[in-house]
Amino acid sequence: MKFVSAIIKPFKLDEVREALSNIGVQGITVTEVKGFGRQKGHTELYRGAEYVVDFLPKVKLEVAIKDELLDQVVDAIEKSAATGKIGDGKIFIFNLEQVYRIRTGETGEEAL
């Protein structure tokens, strides 16, 4: 089993969610986060004063999947989240040791 964590631009969330649903991913967790990489933020004008926004709004997706789905999930996220511009995000993949479904007590892939 794998745990996939992806940081994407907020306006791409619906496209990524739909792409994941189309390949059979049943559930994702979404968190609004802030951060920066190569983008390094930007300056904004507010009431005549200019200030620097260091951390940009992003969305963090987390999904637990079977090993067989990994390539499809990565491909779906890459294609649906891409704009071709700096700040499109990153995908992180972790090995997932065990999963428990609290309600039923199922474990492993059955709990996914």
Protein backbone atom coordinates (compact mmCIF):
# COMPACT_ATOMS: atom_id res chain seq x y z
CA MET A 1 0.00 0.00 0.00
CA LYS A 2 1.11 3.56 -0.66
CA PHE A 3 0.32 6.95 0.85
CA VAL A 4 0.37 9.76 -1.70
CA SER A 5 0.59 13.37 -0.58
CA ALA A 6 0.36 16.12 -3.19
CA ILE A 7 0.64 19.90 -2.90
CA ILE A 8 -1.25 21.67 -5.69
CA LYS A 9 -2.71 25.04 -6.64
CA PRO A 10 -6.14 25.54 -5.03
CA PHE A 11 -8.02 26.19 -8.27
CA LYS A 12 -6.91 22.78 -9.60
CA LEU A 13 -8.56 20.83 -6.77
CA ASP A 14 -11.79 19.95 -8.62
CA GLU A 15 -9.91 18.72 -11.69
CA VAL A 16 -7.61 16.54 -9.58
CA ARG A 17 -10.51 15.15 -7.52
CA GLU A 18 -12.40 14.24 -10.67
CA ALA A 19 -9.33 12.62 -12.27
CA LEU A 20 -8.76 10.51 -9.14
CA SER A 21 -12.43 9.50 -9.00
CA ASN A 22 -12.28 8.39 -12.63
CA ILE A 23 -9.52 5.87 -11.88
CA GLY A 24 -11.27 4.42 -8.84
CA VAL A 25 -9.81 6.33 -5.90
CA GLN A 26 -12.59 6.27 -3.31
CA GLY A 27 -11.46 8.85 -0.79
CA ILE A 28 -9.08 11.75 -0.37
CA THR A 29 -8.27 14.13 2.44
CA VAL A 30 -7.86 17.80 1.55
CA THR A 31 -6.17 20.44 3.69
CA GLU A 32 -5.70 24.11 2.94
CA VAL A 33 -2.03 24.94 3.52
CA LYS A 34 0.43 27.74 2.81
CA GLY A 35 3.97 27.50 1.61
CA PHE A 36 6.53 28.44 -0.97
CA GLY A 37 9.21 26.84 -3.06
CA ARG A 38 10.78 28.37 -6.12
CA GLN A 39 7.84 30.78 -6.36
CA LYS A 40 9.09 32.62 -3.27
CA GLY A 41 5.87 34.59 -2.82
CA HIS A 42 4.94 37.90 -4.37
CA THR A 43 4.14 41.51 -3.52
CA GLU A 44 0.62 42.91 -3.20
CA LEU A 45 -0.83 46.37 -2.86
CA TYR A 46 -3.32 46.94 -0.02
CA ARG A 47 -4.75 50.38 0.77
CA GLY A 48 -1.83 52.05 -0.94
CA ALA A 49 0.82 50.08 0.93
CA GLU A 50 2.92 47.41 -0.73
CA TYR A 51 3.69 44.27 1.23
CA VAL A 52 5.27 40.88 0.55
CA VAL A 53 3.23 37.68 0.71
CA ASP A 54 5.83 35.06 1.62
CA PHE A 55 3.55 32.04 1.88
CA LEU A 56 1.17 31.28 -0.96
CA PRO A 57 -2.11 29.38 -0.53
CA LYS A 58 -1.93 25.75 -1.64
CA VAL A 59 -4.00 22.60 -1.20
CA LYS A 60 -2.60 19.38 0.22
CA LEU A 61 -4.21 16.14 -0.95
CA GLU A 62 -3.65 12.86 0.84
CA VAL A 63 -4.75 9.47 -0.42
CA ALA A 64 -4.06 5.90 0.64
CA ILE A 65 -4.05 3.45 -2.27
CA LYS A 66 -3.20 -0.09 -3.33
CA ASP A 67 0.23 -0.49 -4.91
CA GLU A 68 -1.32 -1.30 -8.31
CA LEU A 69 -2.93 2.16 -8.52
CA LEU A 70 0.25 4.15 -7.87
CA ASP A 71 1.26 4.91 -11.46
CA GLN A 72 -2.30 5.84 -12.42
CA VAL A 73 -2.71 8.11 -9.39
CA VAL A 74 0.59 9.93 -10.00
CA ASP A 75 -0.24 10.32 -13.69
CA ALA A 76 -3.76 11.62 -12.91
CA ILE A 77 -2.44 14.19 -10.43
CA GLU A 78 0.37 15.33 -12.73
CA LYS A 79 -1.89 15.81 -15.75
CA SER A 80 -4.83 17.43 -13.95
CA ALA A 81 -2.79 19.74 -11.66
CA ALA A 82 -0.34 20.99 -14.29
CA THR A 83 -0.53 24.54 -15.59
CA GLY A 84 3.01 24.61 -16.97
CA LYS A 85 3.94 27.48 -14.68
CA ILE A 86 6.10 27.67 -11.58
CA GLY A 87 4.31 26.61 -8.40
CA ASP A 88 2.30 23.70 -9.85
CA GLY A 89 3.27 21.61 -6.82
CA LYS A 90 4.84 18.34 -5.80
CA ILE A 91 3.84 14.72 -5.23
CA PHE A 92 5.30 12.72 -2.34
CA ILE A 93 4.96 8.93 -2.04
CA PHE A 94 5.34 6.96 1.18
CA ASN A 95 5.12 3.27 1.93
CA LEU A 96 2.03 2.57 4.02
CA GLU A 97 2.60 -0.10 6.61
CA GLN A 98 -0.93 -0.73 7.88
CA VAL A 99 -4.46 0.67 7.66
CA TYR A 100 -7.34 0.14 10.09
CA ARG A 101 -10.98 1.01 9.45
CA ILE A 102 -12.27 2.09 12.84
CA ARG A 103 -15.96 1.32 12.23
CA THR A 104 -15.59 -2.27 11.01
CA GLY A 105 -12.17 -3.29 12.29
CA GLU A 106 -11.00 -4.16 8.75
CA THR A 107 -7.26 -3.97 8.16
CA GLY A 108 -4.90 -3.72 5.20
CA GLU A 109 -6.23 -3.23 1.68
CA GLU A 110 -9.77 -4.16 2.79
CA ALA A 111 -9.76 -1.02 4.97
CA LEU A 112 -9.00 1.22 1.99
